[in-house]
Amino acid sequence: MSNKHIDSICDNMLAQISKHGKNWLKMWVGLGMPRRLCGEYYQGVNVFNLWATKDQHKFKSDTWGTFNQIRDAGGSVLAGQKSPTVSVFWKISDYKTGRKTTDGDDETKTSRYLRFSPIFNLDQTTLKDNETYNHNLHTQMKMGSAHCIPEVEDYVKATGADIRYDDDLGLGKCYYVPSQDYIGMVNRECFVKTDVSATENYYSVLLHELTHWTSPEKRTDRDGYKKGKYFENFESKEMYAFEELVAELGSAIQSGLLGISMEPAKHSAIYLTLWADRIKKDKDFLMKSATCAKNAVLFIDSLQKEPKFKSYKKLAVEKKKDVAA
């Protein structure tokens, strides 16, 4: 996939990896989840692109809109302001093939292609945010061992995931076991304060493993997706790297949604160089991993009593497609 907008998004990610290393996503998560003027969260690669753009331009608002959306909301773009980036979405349309079906009807097929829409941050307009979003609900938790955050516990519990702790396993590490469909976690008390609190360290790792948990066919069928043509020439280490990137992106989005700072998974850091090299050569690597992370988060969100992504209804309708960025 060659496109100046995609190239720009990938370059932003590569610059972040180069600058911050294993902490490349941590620096963005605390900025707050990007929102549309209607209040809905952005999804997929848009989240990371808008985090990068907000950081680069030092915007304070998390709200974005097109020129027309801002005008329709009763505002205007300030004189001299230019769109700093674009939102990415799939345009889907049906067309007639000119052939007939076995029933004698006109045969139709669906085409999908990427579209890009210039957007502005609300700081560049006459509009103001209607409410203050508390993005870092738990930043005060900087000392001591990890402890329970009820809201995040409820979020994880709602998934019904089988989570087994070190008391039962004695392995001293965190992981997901596809063959038995359970998540293994080190006990909460074993997590320590790093650049974030022990509590945030614990939950960001748990959300990483929860993203892995979405991979089977009965959830998002990422396992089936990775058997597709794009991955035919991937070596085993590259396949692991792709899945680890999906899990890191998924953990970052969920950390942003839940108001906690992200601590990168230790075992993901070994893939940093591979991620960077692959993205440089193949922009689809980032786009596809971001799409998979989006699908994982949407699936988990769909299991909540009060989903945060209002536009998402049933992943089953889309789970076998390479759906919108």
C-alpha atoms as a PDB file:
ATOM      1  CA  MET A   1       0.000   0.000   0.000  1.00  0.00           C
ATOM      2  CA  SER A   2       1.621   3.249  -1.149  1.00  0.00           C
ATOM      3  CA  ASN A   3      -0.045   6.505  -0.185  1.00  0.00           C
ATOM      4  CA  LYS A   4       1.354   9.770   1.178  1.00  0.00           C
ATOM      5  CA  HIS A   5      -1.068   9.733   4.115  1.00  0.00           C
ATOM      6  CA  ILE A   6      -0.226   6.149   5.059  1.00  0.00           C
ATOM      7  CA  ASP A   7       3.479   6.955   4.641  1.00  0.00           C
ATOM      8  CA  SER A   8       3.075   9.912   7.017  1.00  0.00           C
ATOM      9  CA  ILE A   9       1.285   7.807   9.637  1.00  0.00           C
ATOM     10  CA  CYS A  10       3.951   5.101   9.449  1.00  0.00           C
ATOM     11  CA  ASP A  11       6.738   7.683   9.624  1.00  0.00           C
ATOM     12  CA  ASN A  12       5.171   9.079  12.808  1.00  0.00           C
ATOM     13  CA  MET A  13       5.150   5.622  14.358  1.00  0.00           C
ATOM     14  CA  LEU A  14       8.741   4.935  13.314  1.00  0.00           C
ATOM     15  CA  ALA A  15       9.894   8.268  14.747  1.00  0.00           C
ATOM     16  CA  GLN A  16       8.181   7.414  18.035  1.00  0.00           C
ATOM     17  CA  ILE A  17       9.860   3.993  18.173  1.00  0.00           C
ATOM     18  CA  SER A  18      13.224   5.590  17.407  1.00  0.00           C
ATOM     19  CA  LYS A  19      12.792   8.287  20.053  1.00  0.00           C
ATOM     20  CA  HIS A  20      11.240   6.321  22.921  1.00  0.00           C
ATOM     21  CA  GLY A  21      12.147   2.687  22.244  1.00  0.00           C
ATOM     22  CA  LYS A  22      10.005   0.233  24.205  1.00  0.00           C
ATOM     23  CA  ASN A  23       8.051   3.153  25.681  1.00  0.00           C
ATOM     24  CA  TRP A  24       6.914   4.394  22.266  1.00  0.00           C
ATOM     25  CA  LEU A  25       3.200   3.906  23.007  1.00  0.00           C
ATOM     26  CA  LYS A  26       3.347   4.910  26.671  1.00  0.00           C
ATOM     27  CA  MET A  27       4.069   8.525  25.778  1.00  0.00           C
ATOM     28  CA  TRP A  28       0.804   8.781  23.851  1.00  0.00           C
ATOM     29  CA  VAL A  29      -1.653   6.848  25.989  1.00  0.00           C
ATOM     30  CA  GLY A  30      -1.872   9.588  28.638  1.00  0.00           C
ATOM     31  CA  LEU A  31      -2.921  12.141  26.039  1.00  0.00           C
ATOM     32  CA  GLY A  32      -6.550  10.962  26.092  1.00  0.00           C
ATOM     33  CA  MET A  33      -8.629   9.067  23.557  1.00  0.00           C
ATOM     34  CA  PRO A  34      -9.254  10.982  20.303  1.00  0.00           C
ATOM     35  CA  ARG A  35     -12.927  11.765  19.707  1.00  0.00           C
ATOM     36  CA  ARG A  36     -15.106  12.964  16.876  1.00  0.00           C
ATOM     37  CA  LEU A  37     -17.287  16.034  17.323  1.00  0.00           C
ATOM     38  CA  CYS A  38     -20.242  13.719  17.947  1.00  0.00           C
ATOM     39  CA  GLY A  39     -18.396  12.291  20.961  1.00  0.00           C
ATOM     40  CA  GLU A  40     -17.552   8.889  19.480  1.00  0.00           C
ATOM     41  CA  TYR A  41     -14.032   7.561  19.808  1.00  0.00           C
ATOM     42  CA  TYR A  42     -11.841   7.151  16.747  1.00  0.00           C
ATOM     43  CA  GLN A  43     -10.773   3.593  15.998  1.00  0.00           C
ATOM     44  CA  GLY A  44      -7.860   1.642  14.565  1.00  0.00           C
ATOM     45  CA  VAL A  45      -4.832   3.414  13.170  1.00  0.00           C
ATOM     46  CA  ASN A  46      -6.620   6.763  13.575  1.00  0.00           C
ATOM     47  CA  VAL A  47      -6.072   6.543  17.339  1.00  0.00           C
ATOM     48  CA  PHE A  48      -2.289   6.337  16.999  1.00  0.00           C
ATOM     49  CA  ASN A  49      -2.105   8.887  14.204  1.00  0.00           C
ATOM     50  CA  LEU A  50      -4.110  11.436  16.205  1.00  0.00           C
ATOM     51  CA  TRP A  51      -2.075  10.762  19.338  1.00  0.00           C
ATOM     52  CA  ALA A  52       1.076  11.495  17.334  1.00  0.00           C
ATOM     53  CA  THR A  53      -0.409  14.627  15.757  1.00  0.00           C
ATOM     54  CA  LYS A  54      -1.654  15.968  19.092  1.00  0.00           C
ATOM     55  CA  ASP A  55       1.786  15.422  20.596  1.00  0.00           C
ATOM     56  CA  GLN A  56       3.609  17.060  17.699  1.00  0.00           C
ATOM     57  CA  HIS A  57       1.409  20.161  17.626  1.00  0.00           C
ATOM     58  CA  LYS A  58       0.894  20.363  21.409  1.00  0.00           C
ATOM     59  CA  PHE A  59      -2.880  20.479  21.052  1.00  0.00           C
ATOM     60  CA  LYS A  60      -4.876  20.312  24.287  1.00  0.00           C
ATOM     61  CA  SER A  61      -8.180  19.100  22.887  1.00  0.00           C
ATOM     62  CA  ASP A  62      -8.896  15.454  22.070  1.00  0.00           C
ATOM     63  CA  THR A  63     -11.726  16.385  19.688  1.00  0.00           C
ATOM     64  CA  TRP A  64     -11.367  16.477  15.905  1.00  0.00           C
ATOM     65  CA  GLY A  65     -13.625  17.282  12.987  1.00  0.00           C
ATOM     66  CA  THR A  66     -13.703  18.032   9.280  1.00  0.00           C
ATOM     67  CA  PHE A  67     -14.179  21.586   8.003  1.00  0.00           C
ATOM     68  CA  ASN A  68     -17.853  20.912   7.257  1.00  0.00           C
ATOM     69  CA  GLN A  69     -18.490  19.157  10.582  1.00  0.00           C
ATOM     70  CA  ILE A  70     -17.060  22.135  12.435  1.00  0.00           C
ATOM     71  CA  ARG A  71     -19.171  24.520  10.364  1.00  0.00           C
ATOM     72  CA  ASP A  72     -22.305  22.428  10.914  1.00  0.00           C
ATOM     73  CA  ALA A  73     -21.627  22.511  14.663  1.00  0.00           C
ATOM     74  CA  GLY A  74     -21.769  26.302  14.536  1.00  0.00           C
ATOM     75  CA  GLY A  75     -18.042  26.949  14.545  1.00  0.00           C
ATOM     76  CA  SER A  76     -15.334  27.859  12.099  1.00  0.00           C
ATOM     77  CA  VAL A  77     -11.670  27.104  11.523  1.00  0.00           C
ATOM     78  CA  LEU A  78      -9.450  29.946  12.749  1.00  0.00           C
ATOM     79  CA  ALA A  79      -7.788  32.080  10.095  1.00  0.00           C
ATOM     80  CA  GLY A  80      -4.489  30.666   8.879  1.00  0.00           C
ATOM     81  CA  GLN A  81      -5.037  27.196  10.344  1.00  0.00           C
ATOM     82  CA  LYS A  82      -4.386  24.192   8.113  1.00  0.00           C
ATOM     83  CA  SER A  83      -5.441  20.598   8.607  1.00  0.00           C
ATOM     84  CA  PRO A  84      -2.504  18.854  10.325  1.00  0.00           C
ATOM     85  CA  THR A  85      -3.593  15.328   9.419  1.00  0.00           C
ATOM     86  CA  VAL A  86      -6.360  13.112   8.056  1.00  0.00           C
ATOM     87  CA  SER A  87      -8.745  10.472   9.330  1.00  0.00           C
ATOM     88  CA  VAL A  88      -8.599   7.120   7.575  1.00  0.00           C
ATOM     89  CA  PHE A  89     -11.663   5.095   6.665  1.00  0.00           C
ATOM     90  CA  TRP A  90     -12.871   2.507   4.211  1.00  0.00           C
ATOM     91  CA  LYS A  91     -15.337   3.521   1.526  1.00  0.00           C
ATOM     92  CA  ILE A  92     -17.611   0.591   0.702  1.00  0.00           C
ATOM     93  CA  SER A  93     -19.819   0.536  -2.391  1.00  0.00           C
ATOM     94  CA  ASP A  94     -21.711  -2.029  -4.454  1.00  0.00           C
ATOM     95  CA  TYR A  95     -21.448  -2.255  -8.237  1.00  0.00           C
ATOM     96  CA  LYS A  96     -23.025  -4.367 -10.967  1.00  0.00           C
ATOM     97  CA  THR A  97     -20.721  -6.801 -12.728  1.00  0.00           C
ATOM     98  CA  GLY A  98     -22.802  -6.997 -15.889  1.00  0.00           C
ATOM     99  CA  ARG A  99     -23.501 -10.681 -15.281  1.00  0.00           C
ATOM    100  CA  LYS A 100     -26.600 -12.444 -14.044  1.00  0.00           C
ATOM    101  CA  THR A 101     -27.006 -14.667 -11.014  1.00  0.00           C
ATOM    102  CA  THR A 102     -28.538 -18.165 -11.233  1.00  0.00           C
ATOM    103  CA  ASP A 103     -31.833 -16.535 -10.269  1.00  0.00           C
ATOM    104  CA  GLY A 104     -31.601 -14.135 -13.216  1.00  0.00           C
ATOM    105  CA  ASP A 105     -30.885 -11.057 -11.091  1.00  0.00           C
ATOM    106  CA  ASP A 106     -28.109  -8.569 -11.782  1.00  0.00           C
ATOM    107  CA  GLU A 107     -24.934  -9.773 -10.079  1.00  0.00           C
ATOM    108  CA  THR A 108     -23.402  -7.232  -7.696  1.00  0.00           C
ATOM    109  CA  LYS A 109     -20.085  -7.150  -5.891  1.00  0.00           C
ATOM    110  CA  THR A 110     -18.719  -4.955  -3.134  1.00  0.00           C
ATOM    111  CA  SER A 111     -15.612  -2.850  -3.547  1.00  0.00           C
ATOM    112  CA  ARG A 112     -13.637  -1.337  -0.687  1.00  0.00           C
ATOM    113  CA  TYR A 113     -11.002   1.352  -0.870  1.00  0.00           C
ATOM    114  CA  LEU A 114      -9.269   3.643   1.582  1.00  0.00           C
ATOM    115  CA  ARG A 115     -10.379   7.256   1.836  1.00  0.00           C
ATOM    116  CA  PHE A 116      -8.749  10.099   3.687  1.00  0.00           C
ATOM    117  CA  SER A 117     -10.512  13.095   5.154  1.00  0.00           C
ATOM    118  CA  PRO A 118      -8.620  16.239   6.317  1.00  0.00           C
ATOM    119  CA  ILE A 119      -9.515  17.060   9.915  1.00  0.00           C
ATOM    120  CA  PHE A 120      -8.809  19.830  12.422  1.00  0.00           C
ATOM    121  CA  ASN A 121      -8.221  19.758  16.144  1.00  0.00           C
ATOM    122  CA  LEU A 122     -10.762  21.751  18.138  1.00  0.00           C
ATOM    123  CA  ASP A 123      -7.915  24.033  19.309  1.00  0.00           C
ATOM    124  CA  GLN A 124      -7.772  25.276  15.703  1.00  0.00           C
ATOM    125  CA  THR A 125     -11.410  26.350  15.725  1.00  0.00           C
ATOM    126  CA  THR A 126     -13.822  28.681  17.483  1.00  0.00           C
ATOM    127  CA  LEU A 127     -15.494  25.682  19.160  1.00  0.00           C
ATOM    128  CA  LYS A 128     -14.762  24.534  22.691  1.00  0.00           C
ATOM    129  CA  ASP A 129     -14.999  21.089  24.262  1.00  0.00           C
ATOM    130  CA  ASN A 130     -18.406  20.722  25.892  1.00  0.00           C
ATOM    131  CA  GLU A 131     -17.077  18.603  28.719  1.00  0.00           C
ATOM    132  CA  THR A 132     -13.809  17.852  30.422  1.00  0.00           C
ATOM    133  CA  TYR A 133     -12.710  14.269  29.992  1.00  0.00           C
ATOM    134  CA  ASN A 134     -10.754  12.790  32.864  1.00  0.00           C
ATOM    135  CA  HIS A 135      -8.260  10.695  30.944  1.00  0.00           C
ATOM    136  CA  ASN A 136      -5.962   9.661  33.749  1.00  0.00           C
ATOM    137  CA  LEU A 137      -8.351   8.551  36.445  1.00  0.00           C
ATOM    138  CA  HIS A 138      -5.712   6.599  38.303  1.00  0.00           C
ATOM    139  CA  THR A 139      -2.505   8.625  37.935  1.00  0.00           C
ATOM    140  CA  GLN A 140      -2.453   9.187  41.690  1.00  0.00           C
ATOM    141  CA  MET A 141      -1.581   5.514  42.186  1.00  0.00           C
ATOM    142  CA  LYS A 142       2.177   5.874  42.016  1.00  0.00           C
ATOM    143  CA  MET A 143       3.383   4.140  45.159  1.00  0.00           C
ATOM    144  CA  GLY A 144       3.292   0.656  46.641  1.00  0.00           C
ATOM    145  CA  SER A 145       2.306  -2.664  45.166  1.00  0.00           C
ATOM    146  CA  ALA A 146      -0.427  -3.149  42.598  1.00  0.00           C
ATOM    147  CA  HIS A 147      -3.952  -3.062  43.915  1.00  0.00           C
ATOM    148  CA  CYS A 148      -7.471  -3.383  42.567  1.00  0.00           C
ATOM    149  CA  ILE A 149      -9.209  -0.788  40.379  1.00  0.00           C
ATOM    150  CA  PRO A 150     -12.893  -1.793  40.476  1.00  0.00           C
ATOM    151  CA  GLU A 151     -13.784  -0.244  37.098  1.00  0.00           C
ATOM    152  CA  VAL A 152     -11.006  -2.118  35.314  1.00  0.00           C
ATOM    153  CA  GLU A 153     -11.779  -5.334  37.191  1.00  0.00           C
ATOM    154  CA  ASP A 154     -15.401  -5.094  36.020  1.00  0.00           C
ATOM    155  CA  TYR A 155     -14.211  -4.446  32.459  1.00  0.00           C
ATOM    156  CA  VAL A 156     -12.042  -7.584  32.439  1.00  0.00           C
ATOM    157  CA  LYS A 157     -14.622  -9.703  34.270  1.00  0.00           C
ATOM    158  CA  ALA A 158     -17.279  -8.841  31.684  1.00  0.00           C
ATOM    159  CA  THR A 159     -15.279 -10.690  29.024  1.00  0.00           C
ATOM    160  CA  GLY A 160     -15.598 -14.029  30.811  1.00  0.00           C
ATOM    161  CA  ALA A 161     -11.937 -14.763  30.042  1.00  0.00           C
ATOM    162  CA  ASP A 162     -10.355 -17.631  31.992  1.00  0.00           C
ATOM    163  CA  ILE A 163      -7.534 -15.959  33.952  1.00  0.00           C
ATOM    164  CA  ARG A 164      -5.271 -18.128  36.084  1.00  0.00           C
ATOM    165  CA  TYR A 165      -2.759 -16.686  38.525  1.00  0.00           C
ATOM    166  CA  ASP A 166       0.736 -17.635  39.621  1.00  0.00           C
ATOM    167  CA  ASP A 167      -0.492 -19.267  42.824  1.00  0.00           C
ATOM    168  CA  ASP A 168      -1.864 -22.013  40.600  1.00  0.00           C
ATOM    169  CA  LEU A 169       0.892 -22.084  37.975  1.00  0.00           C
ATOM    170  CA  GLY A 170       4.194 -21.098  39.555  1.00  0.00           C
ATOM    171  CA  LEU A 171       5.687 -20.010  36.206  1.00  0.00           C
ATOM    172  CA  GLY A 172       6.420 -16.374  37.034  1.00  0.00           C
ATOM    173  CA  LYS A 173       5.336 -14.886  33.722  1.00  0.00           C
ATOM    174  CA  CYS A 174       2.273 -13.637  31.849  1.00  0.00           C
ATOM    175  CA  TYR A 175       0.973 -15.255  28.670  1.00  0.00           C
ATOM    176  CA  TYR A 176      -2.022 -16.575  26.752  1.00  0.00           C
ATOM    177  CA  VAL A 177      -2.342 -20.309  26.001  1.00  0.00           C
ATOM    178  CA  PRO A 178      -4.381 -20.747  22.778  1.00  0.00           C
ATOM    179  CA  SER A 179      -4.647 -24.530  23.061  1.00  0.00           C
ATOM    180  CA  GLN A 180      -6.357 -24.268  26.451  1.00  0.00           C
ATOM    181  CA  ASP A 181      -7.830 -20.787  26.003  1.00  0.00           C
ATOM    182  CA  TYR A 182      -6.680 -19.235  29.248  1.00  0.00           C
ATOM    183  CA  ILE A 183      -4.566 -16.282  30.337  1.00  0.00           C
ATOM    184  CA  GLY A 184      -1.746 -16.887  32.817  1.00  0.00           C
ATOM    185  CA  MET A 185      -0.864 -13.908  35.042  1.00  0.00           C
ATOM    186  CA  VAL A 186       1.728 -13.251  37.699  1.00  0.00           C
ATOM    187  CA  ASN A 187       0.067 -12.291  40.973  1.00  0.00           C
ATOM    188  CA  ARG A 188      -0.777  -8.619  41.310  1.00  0.00           C
ATOM    189  CA  GLU A 189       1.542  -8.271  44.329  1.00  0.00           C
ATOM    190  CA  CYS A 190       4.554  -9.172  42.160  1.00  0.00           C
ATOM    191  CA  PHE A 191       4.218  -6.087  39.962  1.00  0.00           C
ATOM    192  CA  VAL A 192       6.418  -3.123  40.859  1.00  0.00           C
ATOM    193  CA  LYS A 193       6.472   0.587  40.126  1.00  0.00           C
ATOM    194  CA  THR A 194       8.394   1.557  36.991  1.00  0.00           C
ATOM    195  CA  ASP A 195       7.644   4.773  35.093  1.00  0.00           C
ATOM    196  CA  VAL A 196       4.035   4.083  36.019  1.00  0.00           C
ATOM    197  CA  SER A 197       2.486   2.725  39.192  1.00  0.00           C
ATOM    198  CA  ALA A 198       2.599  -0.985  39.973  1.00  0.00           C
ATOM    199  CA  THR A 199      -1.177  -0.983  39.537  1.00  0.00           C
ATOM    200  CA  GLU A 200      -0.999   0.471  36.021  1.00  0.00           C
ATOM    201  CA  ASN A 201       1.872  -1.871  35.204  1.00  0.00           C
ATOM    202  CA  TYR A 202      -0.284  -4.855  36.191  1.00  0.00           C
ATOM    203  CA  TYR A 203      -3.391  -3.801  34.289  1.00  0.00           C
ATOM    204  CA  SER A 204      -1.618  -2.808  31.073  1.00  0.00           C
ATOM    205  CA  VAL A 205      -0.001  -6.256  30.941  1.00  0.00           C
ATOM    206  CA  LEU A 206      -3.360  -7.909  31.642  1.00  0.00           C
ATOM    207  CA  LEU A 207      -4.945  -5.902  28.796  1.00  0.00           C
ATOM    208  CA  HIS A 208      -2.091  -7.010  26.519  1.00  0.00           C
ATOM    209  CA  GLU A 209      -2.883 -10.652  27.266  1.00  0.00           C
ATOM    210  CA  LEU A 210      -6.612  -9.990  26.945  1.00  0.00           C
ATOM    211  CA  THR A 211      -5.962  -8.747  23.401  1.00  0.00           C
ATOM    212  CA  HIS A 212      -4.210 -12.052  22.624  1.00  0.00           C
ATOM    213  CA  TRP A 213      -7.295 -13.818  24.044  1.00  0.00           C
ATOM    214  CA  THR A 214      -9.483 -12.349  21.267  1.00  0.00           C
ATOM    215  CA  SER A 215      -7.597 -14.200  18.523  1.00  0.00           C
ATOM    216  CA  PRO A 216      -9.585 -17.491  18.183  1.00  0.00           C
ATOM    217  CA  GLU A 217     -12.274 -18.001  15.556  1.00  0.00           C
ATOM    218  CA  LYS A 218     -15.104 -17.789  18.100  1.00  0.00           C
ATOM    219  CA  ARG A 219     -14.034 -14.236  18.931  1.00  0.00           C
ATOM    220  CA  THR A 220     -12.377 -12.235  16.121  1.00  0.00           C
ATOM    221  CA  ASP A 221     -10.828 -15.080  14.094  1.00  0.00           C
ATOM    222  CA  ARG A 222      -7.456 -13.376  13.948  1.00  0.00           C
ATOM    223  CA  ASP A 223      -5.981 -16.864  13.842  1.00  0.00           C
ATOM    224  CA  GLY A 224      -7.797 -17.488  10.565  1.00  0.00           C
ATOM    225  CA  TYR A 225      -6.896 -14.051   9.238  1.00  0.00           C
ATOM    226  CA  LYS A 226      -3.192 -14.779   9.754  1.00  0.00           C
ATOM    227  CA  LYS A 227      -3.503 -17.784   7.434  1.00  0.00           C
ATOM    228  CA  GLY A 228      -4.288 -15.419   4.555  1.00  0.00           C
ATOM    229  CA  LYS A 229      -2.158 -14.649   1.514  1.00  0.00           C
ATOM    230  CA  TYR A 230      -0.484 -11.596   3.060  1.00  0.00           C
ATOM    231  CA  PHE A 231       1.231 -13.790   5.668  1.00  0.00           C
ATOM    232  CA  GLU A 232       2.321 -16.606   3.327  1.00  0.00           C
ATOM    233  CA  ASN A 233       6.001 -15.655   3.390  1.00  0.00           C
ATOM    234  CA  PHE A 234       6.189 -14.646   7.047  1.00  0.00           C
ATOM    235  CA  GLU A 235       8.697 -16.544   9.147  1.00  0.00           C
ATOM    236  CA  SER A 236       7.569 -17.757  12.563  1.00  0.00           C
ATOM    237  CA  LYS A 237       9.323 -14.887  14.354  1.00  0.00           C
ATOM    238  CA  GLU A 238       7.569 -12.385  12.087  1.00  0.00           C
ATOM    239  CA  MET A 239       4.207 -13.986  12.857  1.00  0.00           C
ATOM    240  CA  TYR A 240       4.901 -13.693  16.573  1.00  0.00           C
ATOM    241  CA  ALA A 241       5.999 -10.096  16.063  1.00  0.00           C
ATOM    242  CA  PHE A 242       2.762  -9.249  14.249  1.00  0.00           C
ATOM    243  CA  GLU A 243       0.659 -10.726  17.058  1.00  0.00           C
ATOM    244  CA  GLU A 244       2.738  -8.933  19.698  1.00  0.00           C
ATOM    245  CA  LEU A 245       2.243  -5.617  17.897  1.00  0.00           C
ATOM    246  CA  VAL A 246      -1.511  -6.256  17.792  1.00  0.00           C
ATOM    247  CA  ALA A 247      -1.475  -6.943  21.538  1.00  0.00           C
ATOM    248  CA  GLU A 248       0.570  -3.816  22.313  1.00  0.00           C
ATOM    249  CA  LEU A 249      -1.714  -1.606  20.226  1.00  0.00           C
ATOM    250  CA  GLY A 250      -4.767  -3.233  21.804  1.00  0.00           C
ATOM    251  CA  SER A 251      -3.399  -2.666  25.302  1.00  0.00           C
ATOM    252  CA  ALA A 252      -2.664   0.977  24.459  1.00  0.00           C
ATOM    253  CA  ILE A 253      -6.199   1.651  23.221  1.00  0.00           C
ATOM    254  CA  GLN A 254      -7.777  -0.046  26.241  1.00  0.00           C
ATOM    255  CA  SER A 255      -5.458   1.775  28.645  1.00  0.00           C
ATOM    256  CA  GLY A 256      -6.546   5.041  27.052  1.00  0.00           C
ATOM    257  CA  LEU A 257     -10.207   4.078  27.352  1.00  0.00           C
ATOM    258  CA  LEU A 258      -9.872   3.057  31.000  1.00  0.00           C
ATOM    259  CA  GLY A 259      -7.771   6.004  32.123  1.00  0.00           C
ATOM    260  CA  ILE A 260      -4.567   4.211  33.067  1.00  0.00           C
ATOM    261  CA  SER A 261      -1.012   4.721  31.876  1.00  0.00           C
ATOM    262  CA  MET A 262       0.475   1.950  29.815  1.00  0.00           C
ATOM    263  CA  GLU A 263       3.503  -0.143  30.703  1.00  0.00           C
ATOM    264  CA  PRO A 264       4.846  -2.014  27.642  1.00  0.00           C
ATOM    265  CA  ALA A 265       4.981  -5.799  27.906  1.00  0.00           C
ATOM    266  CA  LYS A 266       8.580  -6.881  28.517  1.00  0.00           C
ATOM    267  CA  HIS A 267       8.460  -9.713  26.013  1.00  0.00           C
ATOM    268  CA  SER A 268       7.233  -7.336  23.293  1.00  0.00           C
ATOM    269  CA  ALA A 269      10.312  -5.110  23.516  1.00  0.00           C
ATOM    270  CA  ILE A 270      12.428  -7.733  21.755  1.00  0.00           C
ATOM    271  CA  TYR A 271      10.388  -7.154  18.595  1.00  0.00           C
ATOM    272  CA  LEU A 272      10.998  -3.381  18.371  1.00  0.00           C
ATOM    273  CA  THR A 273      13.671  -3.613  15.690  1.00  0.00           C
ATOM    274  CA  LEU A 274      11.670  -6.145  13.682  1.00  0.00           C
ATOM    275  CA  TRP A 275       8.576  -3.908  13.878  1.00  0.00           C
ATOM    276  CA  ALA A 276      10.505  -0.866  12.707  1.00  0.00           C
ATOM    277  CA  ASP A 277      12.240  -2.710   9.852  1.00  0.00           C
ATOM    278  CA  ARG A 278       9.022  -4.304   8.682  1.00  0.00           C
ATOM    279  CA  ILE A 279       7.032  -1.046   8.764  1.00  0.00           C
ATOM    280  CA  LYS A 280       9.767   0.697   6.762  1.00  0.00           C
ATOM    281  CA  LYS A 281       9.536  -1.941   4.034  1.00  0.00           C
ATOM    282  CA  ASP A 282       5.823  -2.693   4.236  1.00  0.00           C
ATOM    283  CA  LYS A 283       3.302  -0.078   5.383  1.00  0.00           C
ATOM    284  CA  ASP A 284       0.564  -2.724   5.389  1.00  0.00           C
ATOM    285  CA  PHE A 285       2.222  -4.335   8.406  1.00  0.00           C
ATOM    286  CA  LEU A 286       1.196  -1.418  10.602  1.00  0.00           C
ATOM    287  CA  MET A 287      -2.201  -0.899   8.986  1.00  0.00           C
ATOM    288  CA  LYS A 288      -3.182  -4.549   9.332  1.00  0.00           C
ATOM    289  CA  SER A 289      -1.964  -4.836  12.917  1.00  0.00           C
ATOM    290  CA  ALA A 290      -3.864  -1.668  13.848  1.00  0.00           C
ATOM    291  CA  THR A 291      -7.010  -3.062  12.223  1.00  0.00           C
ATOM    292  CA  CYS A 292      -6.635  -6.326  14.143  1.00  0.00           C
ATOM    293  CA  ALA A 293      -6.112  -4.405  17.389  1.00  0.00           C
ATOM    294  CA  LYS A 294      -9.238  -2.387  16.661  1.00  0.00           C
ATOM    295  CA  ASN A 295     -11.262  -5.556  16.090  1.00  0.00           C
ATOM    296  CA  ALA A 296      -9.940  -7.008  19.353  1.00  0.00           C
ATOM    297  CA  VAL A 297     -10.917  -3.921  21.338  1.00  0.00           C
ATOM    298  CA  LEU A 298     -14.333  -3.744  19.678  1.00  0.00           C
ATOM    299  CA  PHE A 299     -14.982  -7.372  20.544  1.00  0.00           C
ATOM    300  CA  ILE A 300     -14.046  -6.826  24.185  1.00  0.00           C
ATOM    301  CA  ASP A 301     -16.103  -3.633  24.223  1.00  0.00           C
ATOM    302  CA  SER A 302     -19.124  -5.505  22.847  1.00  0.00           C
ATOM    303  CA  LEU A 303     -19.067  -7.721  25.954  1.00  0.00           C
ATOM    304  CA  GLN A 304     -19.426  -4.762  28.320  1.00  0.00           C
ATOM    305  CA  LYS A 305     -22.711  -3.710  29.905  1.00  0.00           C
ATOM    306  CA  GLU A 306     -22.177  -0.197  28.561  1.00  0.00           C
ATOM    307  CA  PRO A 307     -19.989  -0.329  25.413  1.00  0.00           C
ATOM    308  CA  LYS A 308     -17.860   2.743  24.811  1.00  0.00           C
ATOM    309  CA  PHE A 309     -17.978   2.444  21.017  1.00  0.00           C
ATOM    310  CA  LYS A 310     -21.617   3.261  20.313  1.00  0.00           C
ATOM    311  CA  SER A 311     -21.311   2.687  16.577  1.00  0.00           C
ATOM    312  CA  TYR A 312     -20.244  -0.952  17.065  1.00  0.00           C
ATOM    313  CA  LYS A 313     -22.986  -3.576  17.275  1.00  0.00           C
ATOM    314  CA  LYS A 314     -21.988  -7.062  16.152  1.00  0.00           C
ATOM    315  CA  LEU A 315     -18.433  -7.979  15.238  1.00  0.00           C
ATOM    316  CA  ALA A 316     -19.675 -11.290  13.834  1.00  0.00           C
ATOM    317  CA  VAL A 317     -20.938  -9.434  10.773  1.00  0.00           C
ATOM    318  CA  GLU A 318     -17.446  -8.192   9.959  1.00  0.00           C
ATOM    319  CA  LYS A 319     -15.045 -10.577  11.650  1.00  0.00           C
ATOM    320  CA  LYS A 320     -14.072 -12.415   8.455  1.00  0.00           C
ATOM    321  CA  LYS A 321     -13.328  -9.177   6.618  1.00  0.00           C
ATOM    322  CA  ASP A 322     -10.326  -6.895   6.762  1.00  0.00           C
ATOM    323  CA  VAL A 323     -12.593  -4.192   8.137  1.00  0.00           C
ATOM    324  CA  ALA A 324     -12.355  -0.417   8.341  1.00  0.00           C
ATOM    325  CA  ALA A 325      -9.205   1.201   9.605  1.00  0.00           C
END
